[in-house]
Amino acid sequence: MTTGNSGGGCVKKDKENGVIRSVITGCGSYLPARVMKNQDFEGIVETSDEWIVQRTGIRQRHIAAEGETTADLGENAARAALADAGVAVDDIDLIILATSTPNNTFPATAVEIQSRLGMHHGAAFDSQAVCSGFVFALTTADQYIRTGFARRILVIGSETFSRILDWTDRTTCVLFGDGAGAVVVEAAEEAGTIADRGILTAHLRSDGSHKSKLYVDGGPSTTGTVGHLRMEGREVFRHATGMIADVIEAAFAATGLSSDDIDWFVPHQANKRIIDSSARKLGIAPEKVVVTVDRHGNTSAASIPLALCEAVRDGRIKRGDLVLLEAMGGGFTWGSVLLRW
């Protein structure tokens, strides 16, 4: 799937000489208070800090407290994003929550967050694409904005992956953490060139033949249980770099831009080795790569907005910067969004 780009994609004309772009106007994040360091795993499974760091780059992750839910994390991130954008919940037309760890099978956790925010208009729904969830949700928001369905959308990535881990499996339990990030996306009239602010192009892919390589072994229609995360780590790593390159090269082809034009690369924070390998293959300089996996672990759909918001908050990402987002997740799903801040 490809969305609008300066090279001829479909973008809604707002006036005779302009197009509608989806511009991120606010960013917020939330991490649970509890920090679990690599050393904390040594009494749980056969592992070590050295082993985890060498293979993943992860040193610590945040774990939700007992009773702290995906909706709790998402609500906090959403409130921070609204405050950063300087808008009230009454100004939001739609909420899209990317998550693989909802509070309930139904209703969507997005409607729970909607209620908590005091929003009684518009709509809210969940998007499920695992670690690619935020990219899929942001791309969906872009579609709604460019077609005129909504003017301002709250996009959230929130996960409590600690609830679906097998804490006896050292190959997976050390990788994941909990957290949430959110952005406010707003319609803006732009000229229709690559100099525009907002989303310039987005590309989504999936291939269900890879399901067995990364999945949860439970569900309402199969086992009637939540299940645990299962992963063939070497297979995921083997496919990751090529799939990431696929959607990023598609973004460059759609816009005529290249890795040299990118100011910041914000990848899904799954594994430092995958991040480094992808950046090298694409020719993106290390100093342009935003990395939080060492402190957050893999927070699935929350990882990109958490990393994005950190880089905005500390002043690295500035207005006018060209920012490239990419992710790959279970399914497999993968995608990219190229935007100007």
Protein backbone atom coordinates (compact mmCIF):
# COMPACT_ATOMS: atom_id res chain seq x y z
CA MET A 1 0.00 0.00 0.00
CA THR A 2 1.33 3.41 -0.93
CA THR A 3 -0.08 6.75 0.15
CA GLY A 4 0.30 10.20 -1.33
CA ASN A 5 3.71 11.52 -2.31
CA SER A 6 5.20 14.34 -4.30
CA GLY A 7 5.94 12.00 -7.17
CA GLY A 8 2.31 11.65 -8.23
CA GLY A 9 0.45 10.02 -5.33
CA CYS A 10 -3.17 10.94 -4.63
CA VAL A 11 -3.46 13.88 -2.24
CA LYS A 12 -6.69 15.83 -1.77
CA LYS A 13 -6.73 19.29 -3.29
CA ASP A 14 -7.86 21.82 -0.68
CA LYS A 15 -7.69 24.87 -2.88
CA GLU A 16 -6.63 25.41 -6.44
CA ASN A 17 -2.92 25.37 -5.74
CA GLY A 18 -2.64 23.38 -2.51
CA VAL A 19 -2.85 19.88 -1.10
CA ILE A 20 -3.76 18.58 2.32
CA ARG A 21 -0.87 17.14 4.30
CA SER A 22 -0.99 15.40 7.68
CA VAL A 23 1.28 17.34 10.04
CA ILE A 24 2.33 16.15 13.50
CA THR A 25 1.66 19.07 15.84
CA GLY A 26 2.13 17.42 19.24
CA CYS A 27 3.96 14.50 20.79
CA GLY A 28 3.70 12.78 24.18
CA SER A 29 4.98 9.66 25.90
CA TYR A 30 4.66 7.64 29.08
CA LEU A 31 6.78 4.92 30.68
CA PRO A 32 5.86 2.88 33.76
CA ALA A 33 7.82 3.71 36.89
CA ARG A 34 9.30 0.24 37.39
CA VAL A 35 12.64 -0.28 35.63
CA MET A 36 13.86 -3.84 35.12
CA LYS A 37 17.59 -4.11 34.43
CA ASN A 38 19.31 -7.02 32.72
CA GLN A 39 20.78 -8.16 36.03
CA ASP A 40 17.23 -8.66 37.36
CA PHE A 41 16.77 -11.55 34.93
CA GLU A 42 19.69 -13.52 36.32
CA GLY A 43 17.52 -14.98 39.08
CA ILE A 44 14.69 -15.79 36.66
CA VAL A 45 16.30 -17.43 33.63
CA GLU A 46 19.80 -18.52 32.64
CA THR A 47 21.18 -15.30 31.18
CA SER A 48 23.49 -12.39 31.94
CA ASP A 49 23.77 -8.69 31.30
CA GLU A 50 26.67 -9.35 28.94
CA TRP A 51 24.67 -11.91 26.93
CA ILE A 52 21.65 -9.61 26.55
CA VAL A 53 23.66 -6.50 25.63
CA GLN A 54 25.82 -8.34 23.11
CA ARG A 55 22.84 -9.82 21.24
CA THR A 56 20.28 -7.03 21.55
CA GLY A 57 21.81 -3.80 22.85
CA ILE A 58 19.17 -3.73 25.60
CA ARG A 59 20.25 -2.76 29.12
CA GLN A 60 16.89 -2.10 30.78
CA ARG A 61 13.16 -1.84 30.13
CA HIS A 62 10.07 -0.49 31.91
CA ILE A 63 7.45 -2.90 33.26
CA ALA A 64 3.85 -1.94 34.02
CA ALA A 65 2.84 -2.19 37.66
CA GLU A 66 0.20 -4.65 38.82
CA GLY A 67 -3.14 -3.25 37.70
CA GLU A 68 -1.51 -0.76 35.29
CA THR A 69 -3.00 -1.36 31.84
CA THR A 70 -2.51 -0.50 28.19
CA ALA A 71 -5.32 2.05 28.55
CA ASP A 72 -3.56 3.67 31.52
CA LEU A 73 -0.32 4.05 29.60
CA GLY A 74 -2.10 5.24 26.46
CA GLU A 75 -4.17 7.79 28.34
CA ASN A 76 -1.08 9.35 29.90
CA ALA A 77 0.72 9.56 26.56
CA ALA A 78 -2.40 11.00 24.91
CA ARG A 79 -2.78 13.73 27.51
CA ALA A 80 0.89 14.67 27.06
CA ALA A 81 0.47 14.85 23.27
CA LEU A 82 -2.64 17.02 23.54
CA ALA A 83 -0.83 19.37 25.91
CA ASP A 84 2.19 19.55 23.59
CA ALA A 85 -0.06 20.37 20.63
CA GLY A 86 -1.96 22.95 22.67
CA VAL A 87 -5.34 21.47 21.79
CA ALA A 88 -8.27 20.19 23.84
CA VAL A 89 -9.89 16.80 23.44
CA ASP A 90 -12.91 18.58 21.95
CA ASP A 91 -10.66 19.48 19.01
CA ILE A 92 -9.98 15.79 18.20
CA ASP A 93 -12.13 14.08 15.55
CA LEU A 94 -10.76 10.55 15.81
CA ILE A 95 -8.55 8.35 18.03
CA ILE A 96 -6.54 5.46 16.57
CA LEU A 97 -4.76 3.21 19.03
CA ALA A 98 -2.07 0.81 17.83
CA THR A 99 -1.78 -2.12 20.24
CA SER A 100 -1.41 -5.89 20.40
CA THR A 101 -2.14 -5.96 24.14
CA PRO A 102 -5.64 -4.49 24.52
CA ASN A 103 -7.38 -4.23 27.88
CA ASN A 104 -10.19 -6.48 26.67
CA THR A 105 -10.95 -8.65 23.66
CA PHE A 106 -13.62 -6.02 23.05
CA PRO A 107 -14.46 -3.20 23.06
CA ALA A 108 -11.44 -1.52 21.52
CA THR A 109 -9.10 -0.05 24.12
CA ALA A 110 -9.25 3.17 22.08
CA VAL A 111 -12.84 3.76 23.17
CA GLU A 112 -11.82 3.34 26.82
CA ILE A 113 -9.14 5.98 26.34
CA GLN A 114 -11.71 8.13 24.52
CA SER A 115 -14.02 7.94 27.54
CA ARG A 116 -11.24 8.66 30.02
CA LEU A 117 -10.29 11.77 28.05
CA GLY A 118 -13.90 12.96 28.24
CA MET A 119 -14.44 12.72 24.48
CA HIS A 120 -18.06 11.93 23.57
CA HIS A 121 -17.98 12.77 19.89
CA GLY A 122 -16.17 11.44 16.83
CA ALA A 123 -14.86 7.88 16.81
CA ALA A 124 -12.12 5.66 18.22
CA PHE A 125 -10.77 2.27 17.21
CA ASP A 126 -7.77 -0.04 17.62
CA SER A 127 -5.24 -0.94 14.92
CA GLN A 128 -3.37 -4.26 15.19
CA ALA A 129 -0.15 -4.75 13.24
CA VAL A 130 2.11 -5.71 16.16
CA CYS A 131 5.43 -3.82 16.09
CA SER A 132 4.42 -2.08 12.84
CA GLY A 133 1.22 -0.89 14.53
CA PHE A 134 2.15 2.77 14.93
CA VAL A 135 3.27 3.07 11.30
CA PHE A 136 0.02 1.43 10.17
CA ALA A 137 -2.06 3.67 12.48
CA LEU A 138 -0.26 6.84 11.38
CA THR A 139 -0.76 5.87 7.73
CA THR A 140 -4.46 5.26 8.40
CA ALA A 141 -4.74 8.68 10.03
CA ASP A 142 -3.08 10.21 6.97
CA GLN A 143 -5.72 8.62 4.75
CA TYR A 144 -8.57 10.01 6.83
CA ILE A 145 -7.05 13.49 6.89
CA ARG A 146 -6.19 13.68 3.19
CA THR A 147 -9.70 12.57 2.16
CA GLY A 148 -11.32 15.13 4.45
CA PHE A 149 -12.87 12.61 6.87
CA ALA A 150 -11.11 14.23 9.83
CA ARG A 151 -9.12 17.37 10.53
CA ARG A 152 -7.32 16.38 13.72
CA ILE A 153 -6.50 12.84 14.88
CA LEU A 154 -4.90 11.44 18.01
CA VAL A 155 -2.65 8.46 17.15
CA ILE A 156 -1.42 6.34 20.05
CA GLY A 157 0.88 3.35 20.38
CA SER A 158 0.50 1.63 23.76
CA GLU A 159 1.63 -1.80 24.91
CA THR A 160 1.93 -3.98 28.01
CA PHE A 161 3.93 -6.78 26.39
CA SER A 162 5.09 -7.97 29.81
CA ARG A 163 1.62 -9.56 30.15
CA ILE A 164 2.11 -11.93 27.19
CA LEU A 165 5.69 -13.02 27.85
CA ASP A 166 6.77 -16.51 28.88
CA TRP A 167 9.07 -15.60 31.75
CA THR A 168 10.81 -18.99 31.49
CA ASP A 169 11.90 -18.35 27.88
CA ARG A 170 15.18 -16.45 28.02
CA THR A 171 15.17 -15.83 24.26
CA THR A 172 12.06 -13.62 24.44
CA CYS A 173 11.39 -12.41 27.98
CA VAL A 174 14.52 -10.22 28.02
CA LEU A 175 13.56 -8.37 24.83
CA PHE A 176 10.32 -6.57 25.60
CA GLY A 177 9.09 -3.70 27.74
CA ASP A 178 5.97 -1.63 28.33
CA GLY A 179 5.21 1.96 27.37
CA ALA A 180 3.15 4.36 25.28
CA GLY A 181 3.64 7.22 22.87
CA ALA A 182 1.15 9.46 21.08
CA VAL A 183 1.00 12.17 18.44
CA VAL A 184 -1.59 14.71 17.35
CA VAL A 185 -1.89 14.76 13.55
CA GLU A 186 -3.55 17.75 11.93
CA ALA A 187 -4.62 18.71 8.41
CA ALA A 188 -2.65 21.53 6.84
CA GLU A 189 -2.68 23.07 3.40
CA GLU A 190 0.71 22.74 1.74
CA ALA A 191 2.13 23.37 -1.74
CA GLY A 192 2.36 19.73 -2.79
CA THR A 193 6.14 19.44 -2.97
CA ILE A 194 8.78 17.57 -0.98
CA ALA A 195 9.40 20.81 0.93
CA ASP A 196 5.95 20.47 2.54
CA ARG A 197 5.55 19.83 6.25
CA GLY A 198 3.72 16.63 7.09
CA ILE A 199 3.62 13.09 5.74
CA LEU A 200 5.14 12.96 2.26
CA THR A 201 4.75 9.25 1.58
CA ALA A 202 3.93 6.00 3.39
CA HIS A 203 4.32 2.36 2.41
CA LEU A 204 2.79 -0.70 4.09
CA ARG A 205 3.41 -4.39 3.51
CA SER A 206 2.43 -7.75 5.02
CA ASP A 207 3.08 -11.42 4.31
CA GLY A 208 1.11 -13.89 6.42
CA SER A 209 3.22 -16.85 5.36
CA HIS A 210 5.70 -15.80 8.05
CA LYS A 211 3.19 -16.01 10.92
CA SER A 212 4.95 -18.89 12.70
CA LYS A 213 8.15 -16.90 13.04
CA LEU A 214 6.63 -14.34 15.45
CA TYR A 215 3.22 -14.83 17.03
CA VAL A 216 1.26 -15.38 20.25
CA ASP A 217 0.14 -18.96 20.83
CA GLY A 218 -3.34 -18.11 22.07
CA GLY A 219 -6.52 -16.22 21.31
CA PRO A 220 -10.31 -16.21 21.84
CA SER A 221 -11.06 -18.27 18.71
CA THR A 222 -8.27 -20.84 19.13
CA THR A 223 -7.26 -21.66 22.68
CA GLY A 224 -9.61 -19.38 24.59
CA THR A 225 -6.56 -18.06 26.45
CA VAL A 226 -4.29 -15.04 26.08
CA GLY A 227 -1.24 -17.14 25.24
CA HIS A 228 2.45 -16.23 25.16
CA LEU A 229 4.74 -14.63 22.62
CA ARG A 230 6.74 -17.11 20.52
CA MET A 231 9.56 -16.12 18.21
CA GLU A 232 12.12 -17.68 15.89
CA GLY A 233 14.73 -15.04 16.54
CA ARG A 234 17.19 -15.97 13.80
CA GLU A 235 14.44 -16.06 11.19
CA VAL A 236 13.12 -12.65 12.25
CA PHE A 237 16.63 -11.20 12.09
CA ARG A 238 17.25 -12.81 8.69
CA HIS A 239 14.18 -11.20 7.12
CA ALA A 240 14.24 -7.87 8.98
CA THR A 241 16.94 -5.94 7.13
CA GLY A 242 15.63 -6.78 3.67
CA MET A 243 12.03 -5.94 4.53
CA ILE A 244 13.04 -2.66 6.14
CA ALA A 245 15.11 -1.72 3.10
CA ASP A 246 12.15 -2.57 0.84
CA VAL A 247 9.79 0.05 2.29
CA ILE A 248 12.47 2.68 2.75
CA GLU A 249 13.68 2.36 -0.83
CA ALA A 250 10.02 2.66 -1.87
CA ALA A 251 9.81 5.93 0.07
CA PHE A 252 12.91 7.26 -1.67
CA ALA A 253 11.61 6.21 -5.08
CA ALA A 254 8.26 7.91 -4.45
CA THR A 255 9.81 11.24 -3.46
CA GLY A 256 13.12 11.37 -5.31
CA LEU A 257 14.92 11.73 -1.99
CA SER A 258 17.81 9.64 -0.68
CA SER A 259 19.46 8.66 2.58
CA ASP A 260 21.63 11.78 2.31
CA ASP A 261 18.51 13.95 2.60
CA ILE A 262 17.32 12.31 5.82
CA ASP A 263 17.87 14.35 8.98
CA TRP A 264 16.64 11.68 11.40
CA PHE A 265 15.97 7.97 11.13
CA VAL A 266 13.53 6.70 13.80
CA PRO A 267 13.31 2.92 13.45
CA HIS A 268 11.30 0.42 15.45
CA GLN A 269 13.37 -0.33 18.53
CA ALA A 270 13.58 -4.13 18.42
CA ASN A 271 17.26 -4.92 18.44
CA LYS A 272 20.34 -2.71 18.17
CA ARG A 273 21.97 -5.12 15.71
CA ILE A 274 18.96 -4.88 13.37
CA ILE A 275 18.93 -1.08 13.66
CA ASP A 276 22.65 -0.82 12.90
CA SER A 277 22.47 -3.31 10.03
CA SER A 278 19.53 -1.51 8.42
CA ALA A 279 21.17 1.90 8.70
CA ARG A 280 24.39 0.60 7.14
CA LYS A 281 22.55 -1.07 4.27
CA LEU A 282 20.64 2.13 3.52
CA GLY A 283 23.65 4.39 3.90
CA ILE A 284 22.19 6.33 6.82
CA ALA A 285 24.88 7.80 9.06
CA PRO A 286 24.87 6.51 12.67
CA GLU A 287 24.57 10.02 14.08
CA LYS A 288 21.20 10.38 12.33
CA VAL A 289 19.70 7.29 14.00
CA VAL A 290 17.49 7.71 17.09
CA VAL A 291 18.08 4.80 19.47
CA THR A 292 16.17 4.07 22.68
CA VAL A 293 16.19 0.26 22.65
CA ASP A 294 18.97 0.23 25.25
CA ARG A 295 16.66 1.87 27.80
CA HIS A 296 13.17 0.83 26.64
CA GLY A 297 13.63 -2.61 25.14
CA ASN A 298 11.14 -3.57 22.43
CA THR A 299 7.84 -1.85 23.24
CA SER A 300 6.18 -2.98 19.99
CA ALA A 301 3.70 -0.37 18.68
CA ALA A 302 4.88 2.10 21.32
CA SER A 303 8.55 2.05 20.33
CA ILE A 304 8.52 4.54 17.44
CA PRO A 305 6.42 7.24 19.16
CA LEU A 306 8.50 6.83 22.34
CA ALA A 307 11.72 7.33 20.36
CA LEU A 308 10.23 10.11 18.24
CA CYS A 309 8.99 12.06 21.26
CA GLU A 310 12.32 11.71 23.05
CA ALA A 311 14.18 13.15 20.05
CA VAL A 312 11.68 16.01 19.77
CA ARG A 313 11.82 16.73 23.49
CA ASP A 314 15.62 16.86 23.68
CA GLY A 315 15.81 19.17 20.67
CA ARG A 316 17.31 16.83 18.10
CA ILE A 317 14.26 16.85 15.79
CA LYS A 318 13.39 20.40 14.79
CA ARG A 319 10.79 21.98 12.55
CA GLY A 320 11.62 21.39 8.91
CA ASP A 321 13.67 18.23 9.55
CA LEU A 322 13.08 15.25 7.28
CA VAL A 323 12.22 12.25 9.46
CA LEU A 324 12.04 8.62 8.35
CA LEU A 325 10.04 6.10 10.40
CA GLU A 326 10.11 2.34 9.79
CA ALA A 327 8.95 -0.82 11.53
CA MET A 328 8.62 -4.57 11.12
CA GLY A 329 6.38 -6.80 13.22
CA GLY A 330 4.73 -10.18 13.58
CA GLY A 331 2.73 -11.43 10.65
CA PHE A 332 5.06 -10.32 9.10
CA THR A 333 4.04 -6.69 8.71
CA TRP A 334 6.38 -3.85 7.79
CA GLY A 335 6.12 -0.25 6.70
CA SER A 336 7.64 3.21 6.45
CA VAL A 337 6.52 6.82 6.79
CA LEU A 338 8.56 9.70 5.46
CA LEU A 339 7.57 13.10 6.88
CA ARG A 340 8.81 16.61 7.38
CA TRP A 341 8.55 17.84 10.94
